[in-house]
Amino acid sequence: MLVGPTGGGKTQTYKMLAHAMSALKGQGDYQKVWYHILNPKSITMEQLYGGLDPATSEWNDGIAAILVAEASKD
């Protein structure tokens, strides 16, 4: 996770790191790097992390949980 002020270089930092680590693919345990961008301010906490449906008491996964599950498949 990267946090910082506007214009602080967050985007360039993760892109350069992903490119550098992807360039090492095939050398040791390195693989192609994928990244997922999420703006947590654009959704509610329940949408981000998940929560119980009040009508059915069923758990619904949030976007962060789904992204982590997808990323860990590789």
PDB file of N, CA and C in Angstrom:
ATOM      1  N   MET A   1       0.846  -1.160   0.000  1.00  0.00           N
ATOM      2  CA  MET A   1       0.000   0.000   0.000  1.00  0.00           C
ATOM      3  C   MET A   1       0.895   1.228   0.000  1.00  0.00           C
ATOM      4  N   LEU A   2       0.565   2.167  -0.844  1.00  0.00           N
ATOM      5  CA  LEU A   2       1.293   3.440  -0.886  1.00  0.00           C
ATOM      6  C   LEU A   2       0.363   4.566  -0.478  1.00  0.00           C
ATOM      7  N   VAL A   3       0.830   5.400   0.400  1.00  0.00           N
ATOM      8  CA  VAL A   3       0.065   6.570   0.831  1.00  0.00           C
ATOM      9  C   VAL A   3       0.983   7.772   0.769  1.00  0.00           C
ATOM     10  N   GLY A   4       0.433   8.912   0.416  1.00  0.00           N
ATOM     11  CA  GLY A   4       1.243  10.115   0.374  1.00  0.00           C
ATOM     12  C   GLY A   4       0.493  11.253  -0.274  1.00  0.00           C
ATOM     13  N   PRO A   5       1.114  12.410  -0.307  1.00  0.00           N
ATOM     14  CA  PRO A   5       0.448  13.593  -0.864  1.00  0.00           C
ATOM     15  C   PRO A   5       0.365  13.540  -2.383  1.00  0.00           C
ATOM     16  N   THR A   6      -0.506  14.362  -2.913  1.00  0.00           N
ATOM     17  CA  THR A   6      -0.622  14.501  -4.357  1.00  0.00           C
ATOM     18  C   THR A   6       0.716  14.943  -4.930  1.00  0.00           C
ATOM     19  N   GLY A   7       1.126  14.314  -6.002  1.00  0.00           N
ATOM     20  CA  GLY A   7       2.387  14.675  -6.645  1.00  0.00           C
ATOM     21  C   GLY A   7       3.612  14.124  -5.933  1.00  0.00           C
ATOM     22  N   GLY A   8       3.407  13.204  -4.992  1.00  0.00           N
ATOM     23  CA  GLY A   8       4.518  12.648  -4.221  1.00  0.00           C
ATOM     24  C   GLY A   8       5.264  11.516  -4.918  1.00  0.00           C
ATOM     25  N   GLY A   9       4.775  11.067  -6.067  1.00  0.00           N
ATOM     26  CA  GLY A   9       5.466  10.030  -6.826  1.00  0.00           C
ATOM     27  C   GLY A   9       4.985   8.614  -6.549  1.00  0.00           C
ATOM     28  N   LYS A  10       3.801   8.448  -5.975  1.00  0.00           N
ATOM     29  CA  LYS A  10       3.296   7.116  -5.650  1.00  0.00           C
ATOM     30  C   LYS A  10       3.109   6.265  -6.902  1.00  0.00           C
ATOM     31  N   THR A  11       2.501   6.824  -7.924  1.00  0.00           N
ATOM     32  CA  THR A  11       2.230   6.080  -9.148  1.00  0.00           C
ATOM     33  C   THR A  11       3.523   5.631  -9.809  1.00  0.00           C
ATOM     34  N   GLN A  12       4.469   6.542  -9.951  1.00  0.00           N
ATOM     35  CA  GLN A  12       5.733   6.180 -10.581  1.00  0.00           C
ATOM     36  C   GLN A  12       6.506   5.154  -9.760  1.00  0.00           C
ATOM     37  N   THR A  13       6.386   5.223  -8.433  1.00  0.00           N
ATOM     38  CA  THR A  13       7.082   4.286  -7.562  1.00  0.00           C
ATOM     39  C   THR A  13       6.584   2.866  -7.774  1.00  0.00           C
ATOM     40  N   TYR A  14       5.268   2.643  -7.724  1.00  0.00           N
ATOM     41  CA  TYR A  14       4.789   1.269  -7.876  1.00  0.00           C
ATOM     42  C   TYR A  14       4.965   0.768  -9.303  1.00  0.00           C
ATOM     43  N   LYS A  15       4.860   1.641 -10.298  1.00  0.00           N
ATOM     44  CA  LYS A  15       5.073   1.200 -11.677  1.00  0.00           C
ATOM     45  C   LYS A  15       6.522   0.793 -11.911  1.00  0.00           C
ATOM     46  N   MET A  16       7.468   1.576 -11.396  1.00  0.00           N
ATOM     47  CA  MET A  16       8.874   1.248 -11.582  1.00  0.00           C
ATOM     48  C   MET A  16       9.237  -0.036 -10.834  1.00  0.00           C
ATOM     49  N   LEU A  17       8.742  -0.195  -9.610  1.00  0.00           N
ATOM     50  CA  LEU A  17       9.013  -1.405  -8.837  1.00  0.00           C
ATOM     51  C   LEU A  17       8.437  -2.641  -9.536  1.00  0.00           C
ATOM     52  N   ALA A  18       7.206  -2.541 -10.036  1.00  0.00           N
ATOM     53  CA  ALA A  18       6.587  -3.661 -10.750  1.00  0.00           C
ATOM     54  C   ALA A  18       7.375  -3.997 -12.011  1.00  0.00           C
ATOM     55  N   HIS A  19       7.816  -2.986 -12.737  1.00  0.00           N
ATOM     56  CA  HIS A  19       8.608  -3.212 -13.956  1.00  0.00           C
ATOM     57  C   HIS A  19       9.941  -3.881 -13.630  1.00  0.00           C
ATOM     58  N   ALA A  20      10.616  -3.392 -12.596  1.00  0.00           N
ATOM     59  CA  ALA A  20      11.917  -3.955 -12.215  1.00  0.00           C
ATOM     60  C   ALA A  20      11.777  -5.408 -11.759  1.00  0.00           C
ATOM     61  N   MET A  21      10.757  -5.697 -10.952  1.00  0.00           N
ATOM     62  CA  MET A  21      10.574  -7.066 -10.477  1.00  0.00           C
ATOM     63  C   MET A  21      10.123  -7.993 -11.605  1.00  0.00           C
ATOM     64  N   SER A  22       9.324  -7.493 -12.545  1.00  0.00           N
ATOM     65  CA  SER A  22       8.901  -8.300 -13.690  1.00  0.00           C
ATOM     66  C   SER A  22      10.080  -8.597 -14.606  1.00  0.00           C
ATOM     67  N   ALA A  23      11.047  -7.665 -14.686  1.00  0.00           N
ATOM     68  CA  ALA A  23      12.221  -7.876 -15.523  1.00  0.00           C
ATOM     69  C   ALA A  23      13.086  -9.018 -14.992  1.00  0.00           C
ATOM     70  N   LEU A  24      12.959  -9.354 -13.719  1.00  0.00           N
ATOM     71  CA  LEU A  24      13.712 -10.446 -13.115  1.00  0.00           C
ATOM     72  C   LEU A  24      13.025 -11.797 -13.296  1.00  0.00           C
ATOM     73  N   LYS A  25      11.899 -11.820 -14.010  1.00  0.00           N
ATOM     74  CA  LYS A  25      11.135 -13.051 -14.213  1.00  0.00           C
ATOM     75  C   LYS A  25      12.048 -14.142 -14.769  1.00  0.00           C
ATOM     76  N   GLY A  26      11.967 -15.305 -14.176  1.00  0.00           N
ATOM     77  CA  GLY A  26      12.796 -16.417 -14.630  1.00  0.00           C
ATOM     78  C   GLY A  26      14.100 -16.536 -13.862  1.00  0.00           C
ATOM     79  N   GLN A  27      14.442 -15.553 -13.065  1.00  0.00           N
ATOM     80  CA  GLN A  27      15.664 -15.582 -12.256  1.00  0.00           C
ATOM     81  C   GLN A  27      15.260 -15.800 -10.804  1.00  0.00           C
ATOM     82  N   GLY A  28      15.391 -17.001 -10.345  1.00  0.00           N
ATOM     83  CA  GLY A  28      14.997 -17.287  -8.963  1.00  0.00           C
ATOM     84  C   GLY A  28      13.492 -17.426  -8.849  1.00  0.00           C
ATOM     85  N   ASP A  29      12.926 -16.845  -7.823  1.00  0.00           N
ATOM     86  CA  ASP A  29      11.496 -16.984  -7.550  1.00  0.00           C
ATOM     87  C   ASP A  29      10.662 -15.831  -8.094  1.00  0.00           C
ATOM     88  N   TYR A  30      11.221 -15.010  -8.977  1.00  0.00           N
ATOM     89  CA  TYR A  30      10.491 -13.837  -9.462  1.00  0.00           C
ATOM     90  C   TYR A  30       9.499 -14.221 -10.545  1.00  0.00           C
ATOM     91  N   GLN A  31       8.353 -13.545 -10.539  1.00  0.00           N
ATOM     92  CA  GLN A  31       7.313 -13.727 -11.537  1.00  0.00           C
ATOM     93  C   GLN A  31       6.852 -12.353 -11.999  1.00  0.00           C
ATOM     94  N   LYS A  32       6.037 -12.342 -13.061  1.00  0.00           N
ATOM     95  CA  LYS A  32       5.484 -11.072 -13.521  1.00  0.00           C
ATOM     96  C   LYS A  32       4.643 -10.462 -12.401  1.00  0.00           C
ATOM     97  N   VAL A  33       4.760  -9.172 -12.210  1.00  0.00           N
ATOM     98  CA  VAL A  33       4.056  -8.466 -11.140  1.00  0.00           C
ATOM     99  C   VAL A  33       2.783  -7.830 -11.689  1.00  0.00           C
ATOM    100  N   TRP A  34       1.678  -8.057 -10.987  1.00  0.00           N
ATOM    101  CA  TRP A  34       0.393  -7.440 -11.309  1.00  0.00           C
ATOM    102  C   TRP A  34       0.026  -6.524 -10.159  1.00  0.00           C
ATOM    103  N   TYR A  35      -0.605  -5.418 -10.452  1.00  0.00           N
ATOM    104  CA  TYR A  35      -1.059  -4.536  -9.390  1.00  0.00           C
ATOM    105  C   TYR A  35      -2.503  -4.142  -9.638  1.00  0.00           C
ATOM    106  N   HIS A  36      -3.197  -3.872  -8.540  1.00  0.00           N
ATOM    107  CA  HIS A  36      -4.611  -3.499  -8.576  1.00  0.00           C
ATOM    108  C   HIS A  36      -4.757  -2.155  -7.892  1.00  0.00           C
ATOM    109  N   ILE A  37      -5.429  -1.240  -8.552  1.00  0.00           N
ATOM    110  CA  ILE A  37      -5.604   0.106  -8.016  1.00  0.00           C
ATOM    111  C   ILE A  37      -7.021   0.229  -7.474  1.00  0.00           C
ATOM    112  N   LEU A  38      -7.118   0.736  -6.260  1.00  0.00           N
ATOM    113  CA  LEU A  38      -8.411   0.885  -5.607  1.00  0.00           C
ATOM    114  C   LEU A  38      -8.422   2.198  -4.843  1.00  0.00           C
ATOM    115  N   ASN A  39      -9.461   2.989  -5.061  1.00  0.00           N
ATOM    116  CA  ASN A  39      -9.635   4.234  -4.323  1.00  0.00           C
ATOM    117  C   ASN A  39     -10.657   3.985  -3.226  1.00  0.00           C
ATOM    118  N   PRO A  40     -10.213   3.758  -1.986  1.00  0.00           N
ATOM    119  CA  PRO A  40     -11.147   3.408  -0.927  1.00  0.00           C
ATOM    120  C   PRO A  40     -12.099   4.535  -0.537  1.00  0.00           C
ATOM    121  N   LYS A  41     -11.804   5.753  -0.948  1.00  0.00           N
ATOM    122  CA  LYS A  41     -12.692   6.865  -0.603  1.00  0.00           C
ATOM    123  C   LYS A  41     -13.950   6.879  -1.465  1.00  0.00           C
ATOM    124  N   SER A  42     -13.947   6.103  -2.552  1.00  0.00           N
ATOM    125  CA  SER A  42     -15.074   6.134  -3.474  1.00  0.00           C
ATOM    126  C   SER A  42     -16.171   5.139  -3.113  1.00  0.00           C
ATOM    127  N   ILE A  43     -15.956   4.303  -2.071  1.00  0.00           N
ATOM    128  CA  ILE A  43     -16.936   3.294  -1.687  1.00  0.00           C
ATOM    129  C   ILE A  43     -17.099   3.287  -0.163  1.00  0.00           C
ATOM    130  N   THR A  44     -18.139   2.612   0.305  1.00  0.00           N
ATOM    131  CA  THR A  44     -18.375   2.531   1.747  1.00  0.00           C
ATOM    132  C   THR A  44     -17.443   1.495   2.375  1.00  0.00           C
ATOM    133  N   MET A  45     -17.329   1.520   3.704  1.00  0.00           N
ATOM    134  CA  MET A  45     -16.480   0.548   4.414  1.00  0.00           C
ATOM    135  C   MET A  45     -17.000  -0.875   4.199  1.00  0.00           C
ATOM    136  N   GLU A  46     -18.298  -1.038   4.163  1.00  0.00           N
ATOM    137  CA  GLU A  46     -18.873  -2.369   3.949  1.00  0.00           C
ATOM    138  C   GLU A  46     -18.561  -2.876   2.543  1.00  0.00           C
ATOM    139  N   GLN A  47     -18.604  -1.993   1.555  1.00  0.00           N
ATOM    140  CA  GLN A  47     -18.254  -2.405   0.200  1.00  0.00           C
ATOM    141  C   GLN A  47     -16.770  -2.746   0.101  1.00  0.00           C
ATOM    142  N   LEU A  48     -15.945  -2.061   0.859  1.00  0.00           N
ATOM    143  CA  LEU A  48     -14.504  -2.299   0.819  1.00  0.00           C
ATOM    144  C   LEU A  48     -14.124  -3.595   1.519  1.00  0.00           C
ATOM    145  N   TYR A  49     -14.598  -3.802   2.746  1.00  0.00           N
ATOM    146  CA  TYR A  49     -14.173  -4.952   3.550  1.00  0.00           C
ATOM    147  C   TYR A  49     -15.177  -6.099   3.585  1.00  0.00           C
ATOM    148  N   GLY A  50     -16.439  -5.827   3.338  1.00  0.00           N
ATOM    149  CA  GLY A  50     -17.476  -6.849   3.427  1.00  0.00           C
ATOM    150  C   GLY A  50     -18.340  -6.629   4.650  1.00  0.00           C
ATOM    151  N   GLY A  51     -19.432  -7.374   4.734  1.00  0.00           N
ATOM    152  CA  GLY A  51     -20.322  -7.232   5.866  1.00  0.00           C
ATOM    153  C   GLY A  51     -21.497  -8.180   5.774  1.00  0.00           C
ATOM    154  N   LEU A  52     -22.296  -8.186   6.825  1.00  0.00           N
ATOM    155  CA  LEU A  52     -23.477  -9.039   6.876  1.00  0.00           C
ATOM    156  C   LEU A  52     -24.664  -8.362   6.195  1.00  0.00           C
ATOM    157  N   ASP A  53     -25.380  -9.132   5.423  1.00  0.00           N
ATOM    158  CA  ASP A  53     -26.628  -8.656   4.824  1.00  0.00           C
ATOM    159  C   ASP A  53     -27.693  -8.696   5.924  1.00  0.00           C
ATOM    160  N   PRO A  54     -28.293  -7.555   6.277  1.00  0.00           N
ATOM    161  CA  PRO A  54     -29.259  -7.530   7.382  1.00  0.00           C
ATOM    162  C   PRO A  54     -30.489  -8.407   7.141  1.00  0.00           C
ATOM    163  N   ALA A  55     -30.866  -8.597   5.902  1.00  0.00           N
ATOM    164  CA  ALA A  55     -32.077  -9.376   5.606  1.00  0.00           C
ATOM    165  C   ALA A  55     -31.840 -10.877   5.747  1.00  0.00           C
ATOM    166  N   THR A  56     -30.663 -11.351   5.342  1.00  0.00           N
ATOM    167  CA  THR A  56     -30.413 -12.798   5.310  1.00  0.00           C
ATOM    168  C   THR A  56     -29.348 -13.251   6.310  1.00  0.00           C
ATOM    169  N   SER A  57     -28.658 -12.326   6.949  1.00  0.00           N
ATOM    170  CA  SER A  57     -27.529 -12.634   7.848  1.00  0.00           C
ATOM    171  C   SER A  57     -26.425 -13.403   7.117  1.00  0.00           C
ATOM    172  N   GLU A  58     -26.329 -13.191   5.832  1.00  0.00           N
ATOM    173  CA  GLU A  58     -25.293 -13.834   5.018  1.00  0.00           C
ATOM    174  C   GLU A  58     -24.132 -12.866   4.844  1.00  0.00           C
ATOM    175  N   TRP A  59     -22.907 -13.380   4.897  1.00  0.00           N
ATOM    176  CA  TRP A  59     -21.719 -12.553   4.736  1.00  0.00           C
ATOM    177  C   TRP A  59     -21.476 -12.281   3.259  1.00  0.00           C
ATOM    178  N   ASN A  60     -21.195 -11.039   2.912  1.00  0.00           N
ATOM    179  CA  ASN A  60     -20.820 -10.655   1.555  1.00  0.00           C
ATOM    180  C   ASN A  60     -19.397 -10.129   1.593  1.00  0.00           C
ATOM    181  N   ASP A  61     -18.517 -10.716   0.784  1.00  0.00           N
ATOM    182  CA  ASP A  61     -17.133 -10.251   0.725  1.00  0.00           C
ATOM    183  C   ASP A  61     -17.073  -8.858   0.122  1.00  0.00           C
ATOM    184  N   GLY A  62     -16.119  -8.078   0.586  1.00  0.00           N
ATOM    185  CA  GLY A  62     -15.898  -6.751   0.040  1.00  0.00           C
ATOM    186  C   GLY A  62     -14.890  -6.788  -1.099  1.00  0.00           C
ATOM    187  N   ILE A  63     -14.710  -5.661  -1.734  1.00  0.00           N
ATOM    188  CA  ILE A  63     -13.806  -5.570  -2.882  1.00  0.00           C
ATOM    189  C   ILE A  63     -12.370  -5.915  -2.489  1.00  0.00           C
ATOM    190  N   ALA A  64     -11.911  -5.463  -1.317  1.00  0.00           N
ATOM    191  CA  ALA A  64     -10.544  -5.740  -0.893  1.00  0.00           C
ATOM    192  C   ALA A  64     -10.335  -7.237  -0.705  1.00  0.00           C
ATOM    193  N   ALA A  65     -11.291  -7.927  -0.092  1.00  0.00           N
ATOM    194  CA  ALA A  65     -11.181  -9.364   0.122  1.00  0.00           C
ATOM    195  C   ALA A  65     -11.141 -10.105  -1.214  1.00  0.00           C
ATOM    196  N   ILE A  66     -11.943  -9.673  -2.152  1.00  0.00           N
ATOM    197  CA  ILE A  66     -11.975 -10.314  -3.479  1.00  0.00           C
ATOM    198  C   ILE A  66     -10.652 -10.091  -4.204  1.00  0.00           C
ATOM    199  N   LEU A  67     -10.115  -8.871  -4.146  1.00  0.00           N
ATOM    200  CA  LEU A  67      -8.845  -8.593  -4.812  1.00  0.00           C
ATOM    201  C   LEU A  67      -7.688  -9.407  -4.199  1.00  0.00           C
ATOM    202  N   VAL A  68      -7.667  -9.523  -2.883  1.00  0.00           N
ATOM    203  CA  VAL A  68      -6.616 -10.298  -2.224  1.00  0.00           C
ATOM    204  C   VAL A  68      -6.745 -11.777  -2.605  1.00  0.00           C
ATOM    205  N   ALA A  69      -7.958 -12.308  -2.645  1.00  0.00           N
ATOM    206  CA  ALA A  69      -8.164 -13.708  -3.025  1.00  0.00           C
ATOM    207  C   ALA A  69      -7.701 -13.944  -4.464  1.00  0.00           C
ATOM    208  N   GLU A  70      -8.033 -13.031  -5.371  1.00  0.00           N
ATOM    209  CA  GLU A  70      -7.622 -13.169  -6.769  1.00  0.00           C
ATOM    210  C   GLU A  70      -6.089 -13.090  -6.903  1.00  0.00           C
ATOM    211  N   ALA A  71      -5.480 -12.170  -6.168  1.00  0.00           N
ATOM    212  CA  ALA A  71      -4.036 -11.984  -6.263  1.00  0.00           C
ATOM    213  C   ALA A  71      -3.283 -13.179  -5.690  1.00  0.00           C
ATOM    214  N   SER A  72      -3.852 -13.840  -4.686  1.00  0.00           N
ATOM    215  CA  SER A  72      -3.151 -14.971  -4.068  1.00  0.00           C
ATOM    216  C   SER A  72      -3.261 -16.251  -4.878  1.00  0.00           C
ATOM    217  N   LYS A  73      -4.126 -16.285  -5.887  1.00  0.00           N
ATOM    218  CA  LYS A  73      -4.249 -17.472  -6.745  1.00  0.00           C
ATOM    219  C   LYS A  73      -2.970 -17.729  -7.524  1.00  0.00           C
ATOM    220  N   ASP A  74      -2.295 -16.657  -7.944  1.00  0.00           N
ATOM    221  CA  ASP A  74      -1.063 -16.822  -8.715  1.00  0.00           C
ATOM    222  C   ASP A  74       0.036 -17.373  -7.826  1.00  0.00           C
TER     223      ASP A  74
END
